Each structure stands twice: as structure tokens, then as C-alpha cells.
Amino acid sequence: MVSAPGGPGTPRPRQKPVNRAVVERAQKGDREAYETLARDSARRLFLVCHRVLRDADLAEDAVQRTLVAIWRELPGLRDPDRFEAWTYRMALRFSLAESRRDRRIKASVQLLPNDPPEAPDELAALSDRDALERGFRRLSPDHRAVVVLHYFVGLSLEEIGGVVGAPTGTVASRLHYALRDLRAALEADDGIAHARKGVPA
């Protein structure tokens, strides 16, 4: 049985919260504060966009659009403590827009670039990293989004609902079907590999 990235129920620990005072200064037009936020947010937003889009160039475009939108829309953010979730919501919005514009995802992008190995005992069940990448590519962008936000960002289902604008039950359903489809894709790949070797799956 293939486990979800990181293992079900074990999302990655949350990052250090964004400094509220910096957000408030940026809301008032402080460009230096905004640049601090942009610099601190760029990598985490890129990782999310890249995992959803599976394409580095598209992810870069989505992040750039997100950073511009942050500067433009930040004054309207009512709760500075919600800054991180708010930026994830925008990043996903632009990622899905990029995905709709370019359905042809490049095959050369590797899974989880620049990330340290996670849960090696569970991922060891995979015979090939490329199989996980192929399985992940077969998910819809919406399903990729909930997997990324839960297992790699560390958001709860309720928090993901706030980011994607869906009820918690809908998020749970998307996550369930995403993991089911990912496992099915990996099992299918495993069956093909065994058949090529003449070994019963």
C-alpha cells in the first residue's frame, strides 16, 4: 500500500507566523515592509505553485502575479493575522489560472525540488520516484492543491477550506479522492512494470 506524501495525518510542521507589524506597515504603503513580506513569502509560494502546476516556469509566473496582487490588494486585508492563508489563496487562484491556460505540463520537472527527504520509511515503498511524479500529474489541479496544502504546507482541513473557499467536508472529500486516485495510478504503474518483467503483480 502506498502512503500519502509524508504519511496520512502527519502534515509538515507550520512555518513561523508572519510578523503582524510588518503586514500592517505594508498595508499603509511601506514599500520596505512589503519587500520583506515578498522576500519571505516568495519561496513558500513557489513551492505551492510548483507542486500544483508541476512546471517551474508556470509556477514562477503564478508567483510573480501573486506578489503583484499582494501589493495591490494588501490594503484591503481585514485581518493581518490571516496574511499567510490569504497569500496561499491568491497563489492557488493564479496557479489554477496558469493551469487552465497551459494544459501541457512539462514532463521534465522532478517531484518536490529542493526539499529534504520526508518519511523515508513510508516513501521507501515506492519503487521509483518518477512513478509518484506521474501519479501526481494525473490528479486535477484542485486535487493537487488540497494534497499540497495538507501534507506539505501543514494546513488543517478547516484551514484549507478557508484558502480554497470550500466547506471542510468538500475539502475532506477532495483529499480522499486525490489520495485514492494517486494510489490507483501508482498501483497501475507498478502492475505495468511487473508485466514488462514477466513477474505477476
N, C-alpha and C. Protein backbone atom coordinates (compact mmCIF):
# COMPACT_ATOMS: atom_id res chain seq x y z
N MET A 1 0.85 -1.20 0.00
CA MET A 1 0.00 0.00 0.00
C MET A 1 0.88 1.24 0.00
N VAL A 2 0.58 2.17 -0.87
CA VAL A 2 1.36 3.40 -0.96
C VAL A 2 0.77 4.45 -0.04
N SER A 3 1.59 5.05 0.79
CA SER A 3 1.12 6.09 1.70
C SER A 3 1.18 7.44 1.02
N ALA A 4 0.40 8.37 1.53
CA ALA A 4 0.44 9.74 1.01
C ALA A 4 1.77 10.36 1.35
N PRO A 5 2.20 11.35 0.57
CA PRO A 5 3.47 12.01 0.88
C PRO A 5 3.52 12.47 2.32
N GLY A 6 4.54 12.01 3.04
CA GLY A 6 4.65 12.40 4.44
C GLY A 6 3.83 11.54 5.37
N GLY A 7 2.90 10.73 4.78
CA GLY A 7 2.08 9.87 5.62
C GLY A 7 0.80 10.54 6.02
N PRO A 8 -0.37 9.88 5.83
CA PRO A 8 -1.65 10.46 6.22
C PRO A 8 -1.65 10.87 7.68
N GLY A 9 -2.17 12.04 7.94
CA GLY A 9 -2.29 12.50 9.31
C GLY A 9 -1.03 13.11 9.86
N THR A 10 0.02 13.22 9.02
CA THR A 10 1.28 13.79 9.51
C THR A 10 1.74 14.92 8.61
N PRO A 11 0.95 16.01 8.56
CA PRO A 11 1.35 17.14 7.72
C PRO A 11 2.63 17.78 8.25
N ARG A 12 3.32 18.46 7.34
CA ARG A 12 4.56 19.13 7.71
C ARG A 12 4.31 20.21 8.75
N PRO A 13 5.24 20.40 9.70
CA PRO A 13 5.07 21.46 10.70
C PRO A 13 4.94 22.82 10.05
N ARG A 14 4.13 23.67 10.66
CA ARG A 14 3.90 25.00 10.14
C ARG A 14 5.13 25.87 10.26
N GLN A 15 5.27 26.83 9.34
CA GLN A 15 6.37 27.77 9.40
C GLN A 15 6.09 28.83 10.46
N LYS A 16 7.13 29.59 10.78
CA LYS A 16 6.98 30.67 11.75
C LYS A 16 5.97 31.68 11.23
N PRO A 17 5.02 32.13 12.08
CA PRO A 17 3.99 33.07 11.63
C PRO A 17 4.60 34.37 11.11
N VAL A 18 3.89 34.97 10.15
CA VAL A 18 4.33 36.24 9.60
C VAL A 18 4.15 37.33 10.66
N ASN A 19 5.08 38.27 10.72
CA ASN A 19 5.05 39.36 11.69
C ASN A 19 3.89 40.31 11.37
N ARG A 20 2.94 40.41 12.30
CA ARG A 20 1.76 41.25 12.07
C ARG A 20 2.13 42.70 11.85
N ALA A 21 3.12 43.20 12.60
CA ALA A 21 3.51 44.60 12.48
C ALA A 21 4.03 44.91 11.08
N VAL A 22 4.76 43.96 10.50
CA VAL A 22 5.28 44.16 9.14
C VAL A 22 4.12 44.22 8.15
N VAL A 23 3.15 43.34 8.33
CA VAL A 23 1.97 43.35 7.45
C VAL A 23 1.25 44.68 7.55
N GLU A 24 1.07 45.17 8.76
CA GLU A 24 0.35 46.43 8.95
C GLU A 24 1.09 47.60 8.31
N ARG A 25 2.41 47.58 8.40
CA ARG A 25 3.19 48.65 7.78
C ARG A 25 3.05 48.60 6.25
N ALA A 26 3.10 47.38 5.72
CA ALA A 26 2.96 47.22 4.27
C ALA A 26 1.56 47.66 3.81
N GLN A 27 0.55 47.40 4.64
CA GLN A 27 -0.81 47.83 4.29
C GLN A 27 -0.91 49.34 4.15
N LYS A 28 -0.06 50.05 4.88
CA LYS A 28 -0.08 51.52 4.85
C LYS A 28 0.82 52.09 3.76
N GLY A 29 1.36 51.18 2.92
CA GLY A 29 2.16 51.65 1.80
C GLY A 29 3.66 51.64 2.03
N ASP A 30 4.12 51.05 3.12
CA ASP A 30 5.54 50.97 3.40
C ASP A 30 6.17 49.95 2.45
N ARG A 31 6.91 50.43 1.46
CA ARG A 31 7.47 49.54 0.44
C ARG A 31 8.53 48.61 1.02
N GLU A 32 9.30 49.09 1.98
CA GLU A 32 10.32 48.24 2.59
C GLU A 32 9.67 47.06 3.32
N ALA A 33 8.56 47.33 4.01
CA ALA A 33 7.84 46.25 4.70
C ALA A 33 7.28 45.26 3.69
N TYR A 34 6.75 45.78 2.58
CA TYR A 34 6.23 44.90 1.53
C TYR A 34 7.35 44.02 0.97
N GLU A 35 8.51 44.62 0.72
CA GLU A 35 9.62 43.85 0.17
C GLU A 35 10.06 42.75 1.13
N THR A 36 9.97 43.02 2.43
CA THR A 36 10.27 42.00 3.43
C THR A 36 9.27 40.85 3.32
N LEU A 37 8.00 41.19 3.21
CA LEU A 37 6.96 40.17 3.08
C LEU A 37 7.14 39.37 1.79
N ALA A 38 7.42 40.08 0.70
CA ALA A 38 7.59 39.41 -0.59
C ALA A 38 8.78 38.46 -0.56
N ARG A 39 9.88 38.92 0.02
CA ARG A 39 11.08 38.09 0.09
C ARG A 39 10.83 36.86 0.96
N ASP A 40 10.15 37.04 2.09
CA ASP A 40 9.89 35.92 2.99
C ASP A 40 8.84 34.96 2.44
N SER A 41 7.96 35.46 1.58
CA SER A 41 6.85 34.64 1.07
C SER A 41 7.16 33.94 -0.24
N ALA A 42 8.13 34.47 -0.99
CA ALA A 42 8.34 34.00 -2.37
C ALA A 42 8.62 32.51 -2.45
N ARG A 43 9.50 31.99 -1.58
CA ARG A 43 9.86 30.58 -1.69
C ARG A 43 8.70 29.66 -1.34
N ARG A 44 8.00 29.96 -0.24
CA ARG A 44 6.89 29.08 0.14
C ARG A 44 5.78 29.11 -0.91
N LEU A 45 5.55 30.29 -1.51
CA LEU A 45 4.53 30.39 -2.55
C LEU A 45 4.97 29.65 -3.81
N PHE A 46 6.26 29.72 -4.12
CA PHE A 46 6.75 28.99 -5.30
C PHE A 46 6.58 27.49 -5.11
N LEU A 47 6.92 26.99 -3.92
CA LEU A 47 6.79 25.55 -3.68
C LEU A 47 5.35 25.09 -3.84
N VAL A 48 4.40 25.89 -3.35
CA VAL A 48 2.99 25.54 -3.51
C VAL A 48 2.59 25.58 -4.98
N CYS A 49 2.93 26.66 -5.66
CA CYS A 49 2.56 26.80 -7.08
C CYS A 49 3.20 25.69 -7.91
N HIS A 50 4.45 25.39 -7.61
CA HIS A 50 5.14 24.37 -8.40
C HIS A 50 4.54 22.99 -8.20
N ARG A 51 4.17 22.69 -6.97
CA ARG A 51 3.58 21.38 -6.71
C ARG A 51 2.21 21.24 -7.36
N VAL A 52 1.50 22.33 -7.48
CA VAL A 52 0.19 22.28 -8.13
C VAL A 52 0.35 22.22 -9.64
N LEU A 53 1.26 23.01 -10.18
CA LEU A 53 1.39 23.14 -11.63
C LEU A 53 2.34 22.12 -12.25
N ARG A 54 3.32 21.61 -11.47
CA ARG A 54 4.32 20.66 -11.97
C ARG A 54 5.15 21.27 -13.09
N ASP A 55 5.34 22.57 -13.07
CA ASP A 55 6.10 23.25 -14.12
C ASP A 55 6.74 24.49 -13.51
N ALA A 56 8.07 24.57 -13.56
CA ALA A 56 8.77 25.66 -12.89
C ALA A 56 8.46 27.02 -13.50
N ASP A 57 8.38 27.09 -14.84
CA ASP A 57 8.11 28.37 -15.49
C ASP A 57 6.71 28.88 -15.17
N LEU A 58 5.72 27.98 -15.22
CA LEU A 58 4.36 28.38 -14.88
C LEU A 58 4.27 28.80 -13.42
N ALA A 59 4.99 28.09 -12.56
CA ALA A 59 4.98 28.43 -11.14
C ALA A 59 5.59 29.81 -10.91
N GLU A 60 6.68 30.11 -11.60
CA GLU A 60 7.30 31.44 -11.48
C GLU A 60 6.31 32.52 -11.89
N ASP A 61 5.59 32.28 -13.00
CA ASP A 61 4.60 33.26 -13.47
C ASP A 61 3.51 33.46 -12.43
N ALA A 62 3.04 32.34 -11.85
CA ALA A 62 1.98 32.43 -10.85
C ALA A 62 2.45 33.19 -9.62
N VAL A 63 3.69 32.96 -9.20
CA VAL A 63 4.23 33.67 -8.03
C VAL A 63 4.36 35.15 -8.32
N GLN A 64 4.87 35.51 -9.50
CA GLN A 64 5.00 36.92 -9.84
C GLN A 64 3.65 37.62 -9.83
N ARG A 65 2.65 36.97 -10.39
CA ARG A 65 1.30 37.55 -10.39
C ARG A 65 0.77 37.67 -8.97
N THR A 66 1.09 36.68 -8.14
CA THR A 66 0.65 36.71 -6.74
C THR A 66 1.29 37.87 -5.99
N LEU A 67 2.59 38.07 -6.17
CA LEU A 67 3.29 39.14 -5.47
C LEU A 67 2.78 40.52 -5.88
N VAL A 68 2.47 40.67 -7.16
CA VAL A 68 1.89 41.94 -7.63
C VAL A 68 0.53 42.15 -6.99
N ALA A 69 -0.27 41.07 -6.95
CA ALA A 69 -1.61 41.18 -6.37
C ALA A 69 -1.55 41.46 -4.87
N ILE A 70 -0.54 40.91 -4.19
CA ILE A 70 -0.39 41.18 -2.76
C ILE A 70 -0.20 42.68 -2.53
N TRP A 71 0.69 43.29 -3.29
CA TRP A 71 0.93 44.73 -3.14
C TRP A 71 -0.34 45.53 -3.43
N ARG A 72 -1.06 45.13 -4.46
CA ARG A 72 -2.24 45.88 -4.88
C ARG A 72 -3.41 45.71 -3.91
N GLU A 73 -3.58 44.49 -3.39
CA GLU A 73 -4.78 44.18 -2.61
C GLU A 73 -4.56 44.17 -1.09
N LEU A 74 -3.30 44.28 -0.67
CA LEU A 74 -2.99 44.20 0.76
C LEU A 74 -3.74 45.22 1.62
N PRO A 75 -3.92 46.46 1.16
CA PRO A 75 -4.67 47.41 2.00
C PRO A 75 -6.07 46.94 2.36
N GLY A 76 -6.65 46.06 1.54
CA GLY A 76 -8.00 45.58 1.81
C GLY A 76 -8.07 44.36 2.71
N LEU A 77 -6.90 43.83 3.12
CA LEU A 77 -6.90 42.66 4.01
C LEU A 77 -7.37 43.08 5.39
N ARG A 78 -8.48 42.53 5.85
CA ARG A 78 -9.07 42.97 7.12
C ARG A 78 -8.31 42.49 8.34
N ASP A 79 -7.80 41.27 8.28
CA ASP A 79 -7.12 40.69 9.45
C ASP A 79 -5.67 40.38 9.08
N PRO A 80 -4.71 41.18 9.52
CA PRO A 80 -3.30 40.92 9.19
C PRO A 80 -2.81 39.54 9.62
N ASP A 81 -3.44 38.96 10.65
CA ASP A 81 -3.05 37.62 11.09
C ASP A 81 -3.41 36.54 10.07
N ARG A 82 -4.26 36.89 9.11
CA ARG A 82 -4.66 35.95 8.07
C ARG A 82 -3.80 36.09 6.82
N PHE A 83 -2.73 36.85 6.92
CA PHE A 83 -1.90 37.15 5.73
C PHE A 83 -1.44 35.88 5.02
N GLU A 84 -0.91 34.92 5.76
CA GLU A 84 -0.36 33.71 5.14
C GLU A 84 -1.43 32.95 4.37
N ALA A 85 -2.57 32.69 5.02
CA ALA A 85 -3.66 31.97 4.34
C ALA A 85 -4.17 32.76 3.14
N TRP A 86 -4.22 34.07 3.28
CA TRP A 86 -4.67 34.95 2.19
C TRP A 86 -3.74 34.84 0.99
N THR A 87 -2.43 34.79 1.23
CA THR A 87 -1.48 34.68 0.11
C THR A 87 -1.57 33.30 -0.54
N TYR A 88 -1.80 32.26 0.25
CA TYR A 88 -1.98 30.93 -0.34
C TYR A 88 -3.20 30.92 -1.26
N ARG A 89 -4.26 31.58 -0.82
CA ARG A 89 -5.48 31.63 -1.64
C ARG A 89 -5.20 32.30 -2.98
N MET A 90 -4.46 33.41 -2.95
CA MET A 90 -4.13 34.09 -4.20
C MET A 90 -3.21 33.25 -5.07
N ALA A 91 -2.23 32.60 -4.44
CA ALA A 91 -1.29 31.77 -5.20
C ALA A 91 -2.03 30.63 -5.90
N LEU A 92 -2.98 30.02 -5.21
CA LEU A 92 -3.75 28.95 -5.84
C LEU A 92 -4.62 29.49 -6.96
N ARG A 93 -5.18 30.68 -6.77
CA ARG A 93 -6.01 31.28 -7.81
C ARG A 93 -5.20 31.47 -9.09
N PHE A 94 -4.00 32.00 -8.95
CA PHE A 94 -3.17 32.22 -10.14
C PHE A 94 -2.60 30.93 -10.68
N SER A 95 -2.35 29.96 -9.81
CA SER A 95 -1.87 28.65 -10.28
C SER A 95 -2.93 27.97 -11.14
N LEU A 96 -4.17 27.99 -10.68
CA LEU A 96 -5.24 27.36 -11.44
C LEU A 96 -5.48 28.10 -12.75
N ALA A 97 -5.30 29.41 -12.74
CA ALA A 97 -5.43 30.18 -13.97
C ALA A 97 -4.33 29.80 -14.96
N GLU A 98 -3.10 29.65 -14.45
CA GLU A 98 -1.99 29.23 -15.31
C GLU A 98 -2.24 27.83 -15.86
N SER A 99 -2.79 26.95 -15.02
CA SER A 99 -3.05 25.58 -15.44
C SER A 99 -4.09 25.55 -16.56
N ARG A 100 -5.11 26.37 -16.44
CA ARG A 100 -6.14 26.41 -17.49
C ARG A 100 -5.57 26.96 -18.79
N ARG A 101 -4.62 27.90 -18.67
CA ARG A 101 -4.04 28.50 -19.87
C ARG A 101 -3.08 27.55 -20.58
N ASP A 102 -2.46 26.70 -19.83
CA ASP A 102 -1.46 25.80 -20.41
C ASP A 102 -1.62 24.41 -19.82
N ARG A 103 -2.40 23.58 -20.50
CA ARG A 103 -2.68 22.23 -20.00
C ARG A 103 -1.52 21.28 -20.22
N ARG A 104 -0.60 21.67 -21.05
CA ARG A 104 0.51 20.77 -21.35
C ARG A 104 1.61 20.95 -20.31
N ILE A 105 1.61 20.10 -19.32
CA ILE A 105 2.59 20.18 -18.24
C ILE A 105 3.88 19.48 -18.68
N LYS A 106 5.01 20.15 -18.51
CA LYS A 106 6.30 19.57 -18.92
C LYS A 106 6.61 18.31 -18.13
N ALA A 107 7.19 17.33 -18.80
CA ALA A 107 7.49 16.04 -18.18
C ALA A 107 8.83 16.02 -17.46
N SER A 108 9.60 17.09 -17.56
CA SER A 108 10.96 17.06 -17.04
C SER A 108 11.08 17.51 -15.60
N VAL A 109 9.99 18.05 -15.02
CA VAL A 109 10.08 18.58 -13.66
C VAL A 109 10.05 17.43 -12.66
N GLN A 110 10.97 17.43 -11.73
CA GLN A 110 11.03 16.38 -10.73
C GLN A 110 10.15 16.75 -9.54
N LEU A 111 9.77 15.73 -8.78
CA LEU A 111 8.90 15.92 -7.63
C LEU A 111 9.62 16.61 -6.49
N LEU A 112 8.97 17.60 -5.89
CA LEU A 112 9.44 18.24 -4.67
C LEU A 112 10.88 18.74 -4.75
N PRO A 113 11.18 19.70 -5.65
CA PRO A 113 12.56 20.18 -5.75
C PRO A 113 13.00 20.91 -4.50
N ASN A 114 14.28 20.76 -4.16
CA ASN A 114 14.89 21.49 -3.05
C ASN A 114 14.30 21.14 -1.70
N ASP A 115 13.61 20.01 -1.59
CA ASP A 115 13.04 19.60 -0.31
C ASP A 115 13.89 18.50 0.32
N PRO A 116 14.01 18.50 1.64
CA PRO A 116 14.69 17.38 2.29
C PRO A 116 13.83 16.13 2.22
N PRO A 117 14.42 14.94 2.30
CA PRO A 117 13.62 13.71 2.28
C PRO A 117 12.66 13.67 3.45
N GLU A 118 11.45 13.19 3.19
CA GLU A 118 10.45 13.09 4.25
C GLU A 118 9.99 11.65 4.39
N ALA A 119 9.80 11.22 5.62
CA ALA A 119 9.23 9.91 5.93
C ALA A 119 9.82 8.82 5.04
N PRO A 120 11.15 8.60 5.08
CA PRO A 120 11.76 7.63 4.17
C PRO A 120 11.21 6.23 4.35
N ASP A 121 10.77 5.87 5.56
CA ASP A 121 10.24 4.53 5.77
C ASP A 121 8.96 4.31 5.00
N GLU A 122 8.16 5.35 4.84
CA GLU A 122 6.91 5.22 4.11
C GLU A 122 7.14 5.36 2.61
N LEU A 123 7.98 6.30 2.21
CA LEU A 123 8.21 6.51 0.78
C LEU A 123 9.07 5.40 0.19
N ALA A 124 9.73 4.62 1.05
CA ALA A 124 10.55 3.53 0.55
C ALA A 124 9.71 2.50 -0.19
N ALA A 125 8.40 2.48 0.07
CA ALA A 125 7.52 1.54 -0.61
C ALA A 125 7.43 1.85 -2.10
N LEU A 126 7.80 3.06 -2.49
CA LEU A 126 7.76 3.41 -3.91
C LEU A 126 9.02 2.90 -4.59
N SER A 127 8.84 2.16 -5.68
CA SER A 127 10.00 1.62 -6.38
C SER A 127 10.67 2.69 -7.23
N ASP A 128 9.96 3.77 -7.51
CA ASP A 128 10.51 4.76 -8.43
C ASP A 128 9.89 6.11 -8.14
N ARG A 129 10.74 7.12 -7.88
CA ARG A 129 10.25 8.48 -7.65
C ARG A 129 9.44 8.98 -8.83
N ASP A 130 9.84 8.56 -10.01
CA ASP A 130 9.13 9.01 -11.21
C ASP A 130 7.69 8.52 -11.22
N ALA A 131 7.45 7.37 -10.62
CA ALA A 131 6.08 6.84 -10.57
C ALA A 131 5.20 7.76 -9.75
N LEU A 132 5.74 8.27 -8.63
CA LEU A 132 4.97 9.20 -7.80
C LEU A 132 4.71 10.49 -8.56
N GLU A 133 5.72 10.95 -9.28
CA GLU A 133 5.55 12.16 -10.08
C GLU A 133 4.47 11.97 -11.14
N ARG A 134 4.49 10.85 -11.84
CA ARG A 134 3.47 10.58 -12.87
C ARG A 134 2.08 10.50 -12.25
N GLY A 135 2.00 9.85 -11.08
CA GLY A 135 0.71 9.76 -10.41
C GLY A 135 0.19 11.12 -10.00
N PHE A 136 1.09 11.96 -9.49
CA PHE A 136 0.67 13.29 -9.05
C PHE A 136 0.21 14.14 -10.22
N ARG A 137 0.86 13.97 -11.37
CA ARG A 137 0.47 14.74 -12.55
C ARG A 137 -0.94 14.37 -13.02
N ARG A 138 -1.36 13.16 -12.73
CA ARG A 138 -2.68 12.71 -13.19
C ARG A 138 -3.82 13.30 -12.36
N LEU A 139 -3.49 13.85 -11.21
CA LEU A 139 -4.52 14.49 -10.39
C LEU A 139 -4.94 15.81 -11.03
N SER A 140 -6.16 16.21 -10.78
CA SER A 140 -6.60 17.53 -11.23
C SER A 140 -5.90 18.60 -10.38
N PRO A 141 -5.76 19.83 -10.90
CA PRO A 141 -5.14 20.89 -10.09
C PRO A 141 -5.84 21.10 -8.75
N ASP A 142 -7.17 20.97 -8.71
CA ASP A 142 -7.90 21.13 -7.45
C ASP A 142 -7.50 20.06 -6.44
N HIS A 143 -7.33 18.84 -6.92
CA HIS A 143 -6.94 17.75 -6.02
C HIS A 143 -5.48 17.90 -5.60
N ARG A 144 -4.64 18.33 -6.52
CA ARG A 144 -3.24 18.58 -6.14
C ARG A 144 -3.19 19.64 -5.04
N ALA A 145 -4.02 20.65 -5.17
CA ALA A 145 -3.99 21.77 -4.22
C ALA A 145 -4.25 21.30 -2.80
N VAL A 146 -5.26 20.45 -2.58
CA VAL A 146 -5.56 20.03 -1.21
C VAL A 146 -4.47 19.12 -0.66
N VAL A 147 -3.87 18.27 -1.53
CA VAL A 147 -2.77 17.42 -1.07
C VAL A 147 -1.58 18.29 -0.66
N VAL A 148 -1.25 19.27 -1.48
CA VAL A 148 -0.12 20.15 -1.20
C VAL A 148 -0.36 20.92 0.09
N LEU A 149 -1.53 21.53 0.24
CA LEU A 149 -1.80 22.36 1.41
C LEU A 149 -1.83 21.54 2.70
N HIS A 150 -2.30 20.30 2.61
CA HIS A 150 -2.40 19.48 3.82
C HIS A 150 -1.07 18.82 4.19
N TYR A 151 -0.46 18.13 3.22
CA TYR A 151 0.71 17.32 3.55
C TYR A 151 2.03 18.08 3.47
N PHE A 152 2.09 19.14 2.68
CA PHE A 152 3.36 19.84 2.52
C PHE A 152 3.38 21.21 3.20
N VAL A 153 2.22 21.87 3.25
CA VAL A 153 2.15 23.16 3.95
C VAL A 153 1.79 22.94 5.41
N GLY A 154 0.98 21.90 5.69
CA GLY A 154 0.63 21.58 7.07
C GLY A 154 -0.67 22.20 7.53
N LEU A 155 -1.54 22.60 6.60
CA LEU A 155 -2.82 23.20 6.99
C LEU A 155 -3.82 22.11 7.36
N SER A 156 -4.69 22.44 8.30
CA SER A 156 -5.79 21.54 8.65
C SER A 156 -6.85 21.61 7.55
N LEU A 157 -7.78 20.66 7.57
CA LEU A 157 -8.84 20.67 6.56
C LEU A 157 -9.66 21.94 6.65
N GLU A 158 -9.91 22.40 7.87
CA GLU A 158 -10.67 23.63 8.04
C GLU A 158 -9.93 24.84 7.46
N GLU A 159 -8.62 24.88 7.70
CA GLU A 159 -7.82 25.98 7.16
C GLU A 159 -7.77 25.92 5.64
N ILE A 160 -7.67 24.72 5.08
CA ILE A 160 -7.68 24.58 3.62
C ILE A 160 -8.99 25.09 3.06
N GLY A 161 -10.10 24.80 3.77
CA GLY A 161 -11.39 25.28 3.33
C GLY A 161 -11.41 26.79 3.20
N GLY A 162 -10.77 27.47 4.17
CA GLY A 162 -10.70 28.92 4.11
C GLY A 162 -9.86 29.42 2.95
N VAL A 163 -8.84 28.65 2.59
CA VAL A 163 -7.96 29.04 1.48
C VAL A 163 -8.64 28.84 0.13
N VAL A 164 -9.27 27.67 -0.04
CA VAL A 164 -9.84 27.35 -1.36
C VAL A 164 -11.30 27.76 -1.48
N GLY A 165 -11.89 28.24 -0.39
CA GLY A 165 -13.27 28.69 -0.44
C GLY A 165 -14.26 27.55 -0.55
N ALA A 166 -14.05 26.49 0.23
CA ALA A 166 -14.93 25.33 0.18
C ALA A 166 -15.19 24.84 1.60
N PRO A 167 -16.35 24.20 1.85
CA PRO A 167 -16.63 23.64 3.17
C PRO A 167 -15.62 22.55 3.53
N THR A 168 -15.43 22.34 4.83
CA THR A 168 -14.47 21.34 5.30
C THR A 168 -14.80 19.96 4.74
N GLY A 169 -16.09 19.64 4.67
CA GLY A 169 -16.48 18.34 4.12
C GLY A 169 -16.07 18.17 2.67
N THR A 170 -16.16 19.24 1.90
CA THR A 170 -15.74 19.20 0.50
C THR A 170 -14.23 19.00 0.40
N VAL A 171 -13.49 19.68 1.26
CA VAL A 171 -12.03 19.52 1.28
C VAL A 171 -11.67 18.08 1.62
N ALA A 172 -12.33 17.53 2.64
CA ALA A 172 -12.06 16.14 3.04
C ALA A 172 -12.34 15.19 1.89
N SER A 173 -13.43 15.45 1.17
CA SER A 173 -13.78 14.60 0.02
C SER A 173 -12.73 14.70 -1.08
N ARG A 174 -12.29 15.92 -1.37
CA ARG A 174 -11.26 16.10 -2.40
C ARG A 174 -9.98 15.38 -2.02
N LEU A 175 -9.61 15.49 -0.75
CA LEU A 175 -8.38 14.84 -0.29
C LEU A 175 -8.51 13.32 -0.40
N HIS A 176 -9.66 12.80 0.00
CA HIS A 176 -9.89 11.36 -0.08
C HIS A 176 -9.76 10.86 -1.51
N TYR A 177 -10.43 11.54 -2.44
CA TYR A 177 -10.40 11.09 -3.84
C TYR A 177 -9.02 11.31 -4.47
N ALA A 178 -8.33 12.38 -4.04
CA ALA A 178 -6.99 12.62 -4.57
C ALA A 178 -6.05 11.49 -4.17
N LEU A 179 -6.09 11.09 -2.90
CA LEU A 179 -5.22 10.01 -2.45
C LEU A 179 -5.62 8.67 -3.08
N ARG A 180 -6.92 8.47 -3.25
CA ARG A 180 -7.38 7.24 -3.91
C ARG A 180 -6.86 7.17 -5.34
N ASP A 181 -6.98 8.29 -6.07
CA ASP A 181 -6.53 8.31 -7.46
C ASP A 181 -5.01 8.18 -7.56
N LEU A 182 -4.31 8.79 -6.60
CA LEU A 182 -2.85 8.70 -6.61
C LEU A 182 -2.41 7.25 -6.38
N ARG A 183 -3.03 6.59 -5.41
CA ARG A 183 -2.69 5.19 -5.15
C ARG A 183 -3.02 4.31 -6.35
N ALA A 184 -4.17 4.57 -6.98
CA ALA A 184 -4.57 3.77 -8.14
C ALA A 184 -3.57 3.94 -9.28
N ALA A 185 -3.12 5.18 -9.49
CA ALA A 185 -2.15 5.44 -10.55
C ALA A 185 -0.84 4.73 -10.28
N LEU A 186 -0.40 4.76 -9.01
CA LEU A 186 0.86 4.11 -8.65
C LEU A 186 0.76 2.59 -8.77
N GLU A 187 -0.40 2.04 -8.36
CA GLU A 187 -0.59 0.59 -8.47
C GLU A 187 -0.63 0.16 -9.93
N ALA A 188 -1.23 1.02 -10.79
CA ALA A 188 -1.28 0.71 -12.21
C ALA A 188 0.13 0.71 -12.80
N ASP A 189 0.92 1.71 -12.43
CA ASP A 189 2.30 1.77 -12.90
C ASP A 189 3.09 0.55 -12.43
N ASP A 190 2.84 0.15 -11.18
CA ASP A 190 3.54 -0.99 -10.63
C ASP A 190 3.17 -2.27 -11.38
N GLY A 191 1.88 -2.37 -11.74
CA GLY A 191 1.43 -3.54 -12.49
C GLY A 191 2.07 -3.59 -13.87
N ILE A 192 2.19 -2.43 -14.51
CA ILE A 192 2.82 -2.38 -15.84
C ILE A 192 4.28 -2.78 -15.75
N ALA A 193 4.96 -2.28 -14.71
CA ALA A 193 6.37 -2.59 -14.55
C ALA A 193 6.58 -4.09 -14.35
N HIS A 194 5.73 -4.72 -13.53
CA HIS A 194 5.85 -6.15 -13.30
C HIS A 194 5.55 -6.93 -14.58
N ALA A 195 4.56 -6.47 -15.34
CA ALA A 195 4.19 -7.17 -16.57
C ALA A 195 5.35 -7.13 -17.56
N ARG A 196 6.05 -6.01 -17.63
CA ARG A 196 7.19 -5.89 -18.55
C ARG A 196 8.32 -6.85 -18.16
N LYS A 197 8.43 -7.09 -16.85
CA LYS A 197 9.47 -8.01 -16.38
C LYS A 197 9.00 -9.46 -16.37
N GLY A 198 7.73 -9.67 -16.71
CA GLY A 198 7.20 -11.02 -16.69
C GLY A 198 6.95 -11.55 -15.31
N VAL A 199 6.79 -10.62 -14.35
CA VAL A 199 6.55 -11.03 -12.97
C VAL A 199 5.09 -10.72 -12.61
N PRO A 200 4.36 -11.66 -12.03
CA PRO A 200 2.97 -11.38 -11.62
C PRO A 200 2.92 -10.20 -10.66
N ALA A 201 1.97 -9.25 -10.85
CA ALA A 201 1.86 -8.07 -9.98
C ALA A 201 1.34 -8.47 -8.62
